[in-house]
PDB file of N, CA and C in Angstrom:
ATOM      1  N   MET A   1     -16.986 -18.860 -27.046  1.00  0.00           N
ATOM      2  CA  MET A   1     -16.258 -18.003 -25.969  1.00  0.00           C
ATOM      3  C   MET A   1     -17.180 -16.342 -26.529  1.00  0.00           C
ATOM      4  N   GLY A   2     -17.628 -16.886 -27.355  1.00  0.00           N
ATOM      5  CA  GLY A   2     -17.901 -15.070 -27.107  1.00  0.00           C
ATOM      6  C   GLY A   2     -17.872 -14.146 -28.026  1.00  0.00           C
ATOM      7  N   THR A   3     -17.273 -12.845 -28.372  1.00  0.00           N
ATOM      8  CA  THR A   3     -17.405 -11.498 -28.795  1.00  0.00           C
ATOM      9  C   THR A   3     -16.236 -10.558 -27.786  1.00  0.00           C
ATOM     10  N   LEU A   4     -15.998  -9.985 -29.138  1.00  0.00           N
ATOM     11  CA  LEU A   4     -14.797  -9.265 -28.967  1.00  0.00           C
ATOM     12  C   LEU A   4     -14.874  -7.359 -29.102  1.00  0.00           C
ATOM     13  N   ARG A   5     -15.194  -6.580 -29.089  1.00  0.00           N
ATOM     14  CA  ARG A   5     -15.603  -5.280 -29.152  1.00  0.00           C
ATOM     15  C   ARG A   5     -13.482  -4.501 -29.327  1.00  0.00           C
ATOM     16  N   ILE A   6     -13.624  -4.042 -30.412  1.00  0.00           N
ATOM     17  CA  ILE A   6     -13.329  -3.288 -30.325  1.00  0.00           C
ATOM     18  C   ILE A   6     -12.589  -2.037 -30.949  1.00  0.00           C
ATOM     19  N   ASP A   7     -12.333  -0.722 -31.180  1.00  0.00           N
ATOM     20  CA  ASP A   7     -12.993   0.517 -31.528  1.00  0.00           C
ATOM     21  C   ASP A   7     -14.262   0.343 -32.553  1.00  0.00           C
ATOM     22  N   ASP A   8     -15.347  -0.344 -31.533  1.00  0.00           N
ATOM     23  CA  ASP A   8     -16.869   0.166 -31.693  1.00  0.00           C
ATOM     24  C   ASP A   8     -17.546  -1.673 -33.002  1.00  0.00           C
ATOM     25  N   VAL A   9     -16.235  -2.523 -33.461  1.00  0.00           N
ATOM     26  CA  VAL A   9     -16.476  -2.865 -33.817  1.00  0.00           C
ATOM     27  C   VAL A   9     -16.371  -4.480 -33.074  1.00  0.00           C
ATOM     28  N   GLU A  10     -17.356  -4.835 -33.438  1.00  0.00           N
ATOM     29  CA  GLU A  10     -17.574  -6.666 -32.598  1.00  0.00           C
ATOM     30  C   GLU A  10     -17.229  -7.599 -33.354  1.00  0.00           C
ATOM     31  N   TYR A  11     -16.279  -8.873 -32.777  1.00  0.00           N
ATOM     32  CA  TYR A  11     -16.157  -9.991 -34.001  1.00  0.00           C
ATOM     33  C   TYR A  11     -16.342 -10.608 -33.345  1.00  0.00           C
ATOM     34  N   GLU A  12     -16.368 -12.180 -33.841  1.00  0.00           N
ATOM     35  CA  GLU A  12     -16.654 -13.207 -32.932  1.00  0.00           C
ATOM     36  C   GLU A  12     -15.722 -14.254 -32.369  1.00  0.00           C
ATOM     37  N   ILE A  13     -15.918 -14.118 -30.862  1.00  0.00           N
ATOM     38  CA  ILE A  13     -13.757 -14.836 -30.422  1.00  0.00           C
ATOM     39  C   ILE A  13     -13.916 -15.989 -31.290  1.00  0.00           C
ATOM     40  N   ASP A  14     -15.000 -17.202 -31.643  1.00  0.00           N
ATOM     41  CA  ASP A  14     -14.480 -18.494 -31.674  1.00  0.00           C
ATOM     42  C   ASP A  14     -14.247 -18.467 -33.724  1.00  0.00           C
ATOM     43  N   ASP A  15     -14.160 -17.591 -34.146  1.00  0.00           N
ATOM     44  CA  ASP A  15     -14.070 -17.174 -36.029  1.00  0.00           C
ATOM     45  C   ASP A  15     -12.531 -16.783 -36.068  1.00  0.00           C
ATOM     46  N   LEU A  16     -11.426 -16.012 -34.537  1.00  0.00           N
ATOM     47  CA  LEU A  16     -10.171 -15.385 -34.682  1.00  0.00           C
ATOM     48  C   LEU A  16      -9.378 -17.356 -34.756  1.00  0.00           C
ATOM     49  N   ALA A  17      -8.346 -16.643 -35.267  1.00  0.00           N
ATOM     50  CA  ALA A  17      -6.666 -17.566 -35.109  1.00  0.00           C
ATOM     51  C   ALA A  17      -6.799 -17.382 -33.421  1.00  0.00           C
ATOM     52  N   ASP A  18      -6.129 -18.843 -33.390  1.00  0.00           N
ATOM     53  CA  ASP A  18      -5.662 -19.616 -32.670  1.00  0.00           C
ATOM     54  C   ASP A  18      -4.379 -18.665 -31.319  1.00  0.00           C
ATOM     55  N   GLU A  19      -4.039 -17.221 -32.013  1.00  0.00           N
ATOM     56  CA  GLU A  19      -2.850 -17.655 -31.263  1.00  0.00           C
ATOM     57  C   GLU A  19      -4.309 -15.959 -30.871  1.00  0.00           C
ATOM     58  N   THR A  20      -4.773 -15.301 -32.058  1.00  0.00           N
ATOM     59  CA  THR A  20      -5.151 -14.359 -31.765  1.00  0.00           C
ATOM     60  C   THR A  20      -6.062 -14.236 -29.294  1.00  0.00           C
ATOM     61  N   LYS A  21      -6.759 -15.598 -30.366  1.00  0.00           N
ATOM     62  CA  LYS A  21      -7.802 -15.660 -29.539  1.00  0.00           C
ATOM     63  C   LYS A  21      -6.964 -15.751 -27.834  1.00  0.00           C
ATOM     64  N   GLN A  22      -5.382 -16.471 -27.609  1.00  0.00           N
ATOM     65  CA  GLN A  22      -4.222 -16.880 -26.699  1.00  0.00           C
ATOM     66  C   GLN A  22      -4.149 -15.203 -25.892  1.00  0.00           C
ATOM     67  N   LYS A  23      -3.339 -14.125 -26.739  1.00  0.00           N
ATOM     68  CA  LYS A  23      -3.645 -12.889 -26.721  1.00  0.00           C
ATOM     69  C   LYS A  23      -4.940 -12.268 -25.694  1.00  0.00           C
ATOM     70  N   ILE A  24      -5.293 -12.425 -26.570  1.00  0.00           N
ATOM     71  CA  ILE A  24      -7.238 -12.223 -26.612  1.00  0.00           C
ATOM     72  C   ILE A  24      -7.054 -12.829 -23.945  1.00  0.00           C
ATOM     73  N   GLY A  25      -7.617 -13.682 -24.724  1.00  0.00           N
ATOM     74  CA  GLY A  25      -6.927 -15.035 -22.819  1.00  0.00           C
ATOM     75  C   GLY A  25      -6.158 -13.964 -22.003  1.00  0.00           C
ATOM     76  N   ARG A  26      -4.757 -14.046 -22.415  1.00  0.00           N
ATOM     77  CA  ARG A  26      -3.152 -12.919 -21.677  1.00  0.00           C
ATOM     78  C   ARG A  26      -3.734 -11.444 -22.145  1.00  0.00           C
ATOM     79  N   MET A  27      -4.442 -11.453 -22.210  1.00  0.00           N
ATOM     80  CA  MET A  27      -5.094  -9.658 -22.172  1.00  0.00           C
ATOM     81  C   MET A  27      -5.952  -9.617 -20.530  1.00  0.00           C
ATOM     82  N   GLN A  28      -6.879 -10.101 -20.483  1.00  0.00           N
ATOM     83  CA  GLN A  28      -8.115 -10.826 -20.023  1.00  0.00           C
ATOM     84  C   GLN A  28      -8.084 -10.953 -18.728  1.00  0.00           C
ATOM     85  N   GLU A  29      -6.400 -11.414 -18.634  1.00  0.00           N
ATOM     86  CA  GLU A  29      -5.685 -12.119 -17.558  1.00  0.00           C
ATOM     87  C   GLU A  29      -5.032 -11.085 -16.973  1.00  0.00           C
ATOM     88  N   ILE A  30      -4.815  -9.702 -17.135  1.00  0.00           N
ATOM     89  CA  ILE A  30      -4.081  -9.057 -16.887  1.00  0.00           C
ATOM     90  C   ILE A  30      -4.764  -6.922 -17.153  1.00  0.00           C
ATOM     91  N   GLN A  31      -5.890  -7.261 -17.734  1.00  0.00           N
ATOM     92  CA  GLN A  31      -6.217  -6.493 -16.798  1.00  0.00           C
ATOM     93  C   GLN A  31      -7.289  -6.564 -15.596  1.00  0.00           C
ATOM     94  N   ASN A  32      -7.308  -8.497 -15.426  1.00  0.00           N
ATOM     95  CA  ASN A  32      -7.495  -8.631 -13.955  1.00  0.00           C
ATOM     96  C   ASN A  32      -6.615  -8.497 -12.473  1.00  0.00           C
ATOM     97  N   GLU A  33      -5.257  -8.667 -12.731  1.00  0.00           N
ATOM     98  CA  GLU A  33      -4.567  -8.404 -12.399  1.00  0.00           C
ATOM     99  C   GLU A  33      -4.676  -6.805 -11.963  1.00  0.00           C
ATOM    100  N   ILE A  34      -4.682  -6.106 -13.561  1.00  0.00           N
ATOM    101  CA  ILE A  34      -4.829  -4.962 -13.362  1.00  0.00           C
ATOM    102  C   ILE A  34      -5.406  -4.021 -11.777  1.00  0.00           C
ATOM    103  N   GLY A  35      -6.540  -4.300 -11.878  1.00  0.00           N
ATOM    104  CA  GLY A  35      -8.156  -4.933 -11.227  1.00  0.00           C
ATOM    105  C   GLY A  35      -7.651  -4.732 -10.034  1.00  0.00           C
ATOM    106  N   LEU A  36      -7.163  -6.201  -9.206  1.00  0.00           N
ATOM    107  CA  LEU A  36      -6.419  -6.981  -8.120  1.00  0.00           C
ATOM    108  C   LEU A  36      -5.417  -6.024  -7.574  1.00  0.00           C
ATOM    109  N   LEU A  37      -4.085  -5.142  -8.149  1.00  0.00           N
ATOM    110  CA  LEU A  37      -3.309  -3.988  -7.729  1.00  0.00           C
ATOM    111  C   LEU A  37      -3.569  -3.083  -7.645  1.00  0.00           C
ATOM    112  N   ASN A  38      -5.252  -2.187  -7.485  1.00  0.00           N
ATOM    113  CA  ASN A  38      -5.448  -0.760  -7.844  1.00  0.00           C
ATOM    114  C   ASN A  38      -6.234  -1.355  -6.153  1.00  0.00           C
ATOM    115  N   LEU A  39      -6.977  -2.642  -6.686  1.00  0.00           N
ATOM    116  CA  LEU A  39      -7.428  -3.326  -5.024  1.00  0.00           C
ATOM    117  C   LEU A  39      -6.493  -2.000  -3.647  1.00  0.00           C
ATOM    118  N   ARG A  40      -4.909  -3.531  -4.355  1.00  0.00           N
ATOM    119  CA  ARG A  40      -4.631  -3.039  -2.729  1.00  0.00           C
ATOM    120  C   ARG A  40      -4.293  -2.864  -3.143  1.00  0.00           C
ATOM    121  N   ILE A  41      -3.708  -1.039  -4.164  1.00  0.00           N
ATOM    122  CA  ILE A  41      -3.200  -0.089  -3.942  1.00  0.00           C
ATOM    123  C   ILE A  41      -3.939   0.718  -2.697  1.00  0.00           C
ATOM    124  N   GLN A  42      -5.511   1.254  -3.436  1.00  0.00           N
ATOM    125  CA  GLN A  42      -7.148   0.857  -2.256  1.00  0.00           C
ATOM    126  C   GLN A  42      -6.019   0.534  -0.916  1.00  0.00           C
ATOM    127  N   GLU A  43      -6.457  -0.960  -0.164  1.00  0.00           N
ATOM    128  CA  GLU A  43      -6.093  -0.616   0.965  1.00  0.00           C
ATOM    129  C   GLU A  43      -4.942  -0.733   1.182  1.00  0.00           C
ATOM    130  N   LEU A  44      -3.587  -0.521   0.978  1.00  0.00           N
ATOM    131  CA  LEU A  44      -2.798   0.239   1.263  1.00  0.00           C
ATOM    132  C   LEU A  44      -2.617   1.262   2.260  1.00  0.00           C
ATOM    133  N   GLN A  45      -3.608   1.654   0.743  1.00  0.00           N
ATOM    134  CA  GLN A  45      -3.987   3.600   1.480  1.00  0.00           C
ATOM    135  C   GLN A  45      -4.161   3.589   1.777  1.00  0.00           C
ATOM    136  N   VAL A  46      -5.764   3.002   2.697  1.00  0.00           N
ATOM    137  CA  VAL A  46      -6.444   3.209   3.753  1.00  0.00           C
ATOM    138  C   VAL A  46      -5.485   3.068   4.609  1.00  0.00           C
ATOM    139  N   VAL A  47      -4.869   2.085   5.103  1.00  0.00           N
ATOM    140  CA  VAL A  47      -2.848   1.591   6.362  1.00  0.00           C
ATOM    141  C   VAL A  47      -2.133   2.449   6.619  1.00  0.00           C
ATOM    142  N   SER A  48      -1.539   2.948   5.887  1.00  0.00           N
ATOM    143  CA  SER A  48      -0.873   4.738   5.387  1.00  0.00           C
ATOM    144  C   SER A  48      -1.327   5.546   5.866  1.00  0.00           C
ATOM    145  N   GLN A  49      -2.922   5.449   6.031  1.00  0.00           N
ATOM    146  CA  GLN A  49      -3.955   7.013   5.976  1.00  0.00           C
ATOM    147  C   GLN A  49      -4.294   6.210   7.604  1.00  0.00           C
ATOM    148  N   ALA A  50      -4.699   5.267   8.400  1.00  0.00           N
ATOM    149  CA  ALA A  50      -4.799   5.007   9.816  1.00  0.00           C
ATOM    150  C   ALA A  50      -3.243   5.059   9.655  1.00  0.00           C
ATOM    151  N   TYR A  51      -2.259   4.936   9.921  1.00  0.00           N
ATOM    152  CA  TYR A  51      -0.965   4.970  10.401  1.00  0.00           C
ATOM    153  C   TYR A  51      -0.827   6.225  10.551  1.00  0.00           C
ATOM    154  N   VAL A  52      -0.821   7.347   9.737  1.00  0.00           N
ATOM    155  CA  VAL A  52      -0.988   8.734  10.137  1.00  0.00           C
ATOM    156  C   VAL A  52      -2.043   8.901  10.829  1.00  0.00           C
ATOM    157  N   ASN A  53      -2.716   8.647  11.362  1.00  0.00           N
ATOM    158  CA  ASN A  53      -3.393   8.744  12.166  1.00  0.00           C
ATOM    159  C   ASN A  53      -4.244   9.003  14.189  1.00  0.00           C
ATOM    160  N   THR A  54      -2.783   7.441  12.917  1.00  0.00           N
ATOM    161  CA  THR A  54      -1.621   6.930  14.530  1.00  0.00           C
ATOM    162  C   THR A  54      -1.108   8.698  15.453  1.00  0.00           C
ATOM    163  N   ILE A  55      -0.449   8.571  14.574  1.00  0.00           N
ATOM    164  CA  ILE A  55       0.356   9.192  14.919  1.00  0.00           C
ATOM    165  C   ILE A  55       0.593  10.915  14.918  1.00  0.00           C
ATOM    166  N   LYS A  56      -0.849  11.252  14.525  1.00  0.00           N
ATOM    167  CA  LYS A  56      -0.796  12.610  14.828  1.00  0.00           C
ATOM    168  C   LYS A  56      -1.173  12.709  15.993  1.00  0.00           C
ATOM    169  N   ALA A  57      -2.129  11.212  16.808  1.00  0.00           N
ATOM    170  CA  ALA A  57      -2.637  11.193  17.939  1.00  0.00           C
ATOM    171  C   ALA A  57      -1.746  10.865  18.492  1.00  0.00           C
ATOM    172  N   GLU A  58      -0.694  10.675  17.953  1.00  0.00           N
ATOM    173  CA  GLU A  58       0.479  10.605  19.592  1.00  0.00           C
ATOM    174  C   GLU A  58       1.051  11.813  19.371  1.00  0.00           C
ATOM    175  N   LEU A  59       1.458  12.706  18.674  1.00  0.00           N
ATOM    176  CA  LEU A  59       1.667  14.365  18.333  1.00  0.00           C
ATOM    177  C   LEU A  59       1.006  15.012  18.716  1.00  0.00           C
ATOM    178  N   ASP A  60       0.077  14.273  19.223  1.00  0.00           N
ATOM    179  CA  ASP A  60      -0.795  15.422  20.395  1.00  0.00           C
ATOM    180  C   ASP A  60      -1.414  15.428  22.033  1.00  0.00           C
ATOM    181  N   VAL A  61      -0.667  14.086  22.283  1.00  0.00           N
ATOM    182  CA  VAL A  61      -0.405  13.634  23.541  1.00  0.00           C
ATOM    183  C   VAL A  61       0.647  14.067  24.361  1.00  0.00           C
ATOM    184  N   ASP A  62       1.982  14.196  22.841  1.00  0.00           N
ATOM    185  CA  ASP A  62       2.594  14.637  22.788  1.00  0.00           C
ATOM    186  C   ASP A  62       3.627  15.751  23.910  1.00  0.00           C
ATOM    187  N   GLN A  63       2.125  17.145  22.961  1.00  0.00           N
ATOM    188  CA  GLN A  63       1.928  18.506  22.955  1.00  0.00           C
ATOM    189  C   GLN A  63       1.021  19.088  24.502  1.00  0.00           C
ATOM    190  N   PRO A  64       1.441  19.907  25.068  1.00  0.00           N
ATOM    191  CA  PRO A  64       1.153  20.218  25.636  1.00  0.00           C
ATOM    192  C   PRO A  64      -0.685  21.019  25.189  1.00  0.00           C
ATOM    193  N   ASP A  65      -1.562  21.032  25.805  1.00  0.00           N
ATOM    194  CA  ASP A  65      -2.744  21.928  25.257  1.00  0.00           C
ATOM    195  C   ASP A  65      -2.589  23.462  25.164  1.00  0.00           C
ATOM    196  N   ASP A  66      -1.701  24.202  26.415  1.00  0.00           N
ATOM    197  CA  ASP A  66      -1.930  25.719  26.010  1.00  0.00           C
ATOM    198  C   ASP A  66      -0.569  25.688  25.957  1.00  0.00           C
ATOM    199  N   PRO A  67      -0.288  26.616  25.133  1.00  0.00           N
ATOM    200  CA  PRO A  67       1.833  26.955  24.171  1.00  0.00           C
ATOM    201  C   PRO A  67       1.963  27.512  25.227  1.00  0.00           C
ATOM    202  N   ASP A  68       1.347  28.474  26.407  1.00  0.00           N
ATOM    203  CA  ASP A  68       2.732  28.477  27.188  1.00  0.00           C
ATOM    204  C   ASP A  68       3.043  27.680  28.071  1.00  0.00           C
ATOM    205  N   SER A  69       2.171  26.695  28.348  1.00  0.00           N
ATOM    206  CA  SER A  69       2.886  25.989  29.572  1.00  0.00           C
ATOM    207  C   SER A  69       4.220  24.988  29.147  1.00  0.00           C
TER     208      SER A  69
END
């Protein structure tokens, strides 16, 4: 299965207790999920900025160019 490094100590995963292996597997799943959530956050930030840009453009159209008009 490989090795696990914690606090600069490397452990052979095959030598660990089954319960520990399960926790390692779950930890990896959680880390993957965090990565996916971070990606989703980035995507949502892009969409949010696109809305801001669209709103700004719409507000610019509604505002006259000459403040004395």
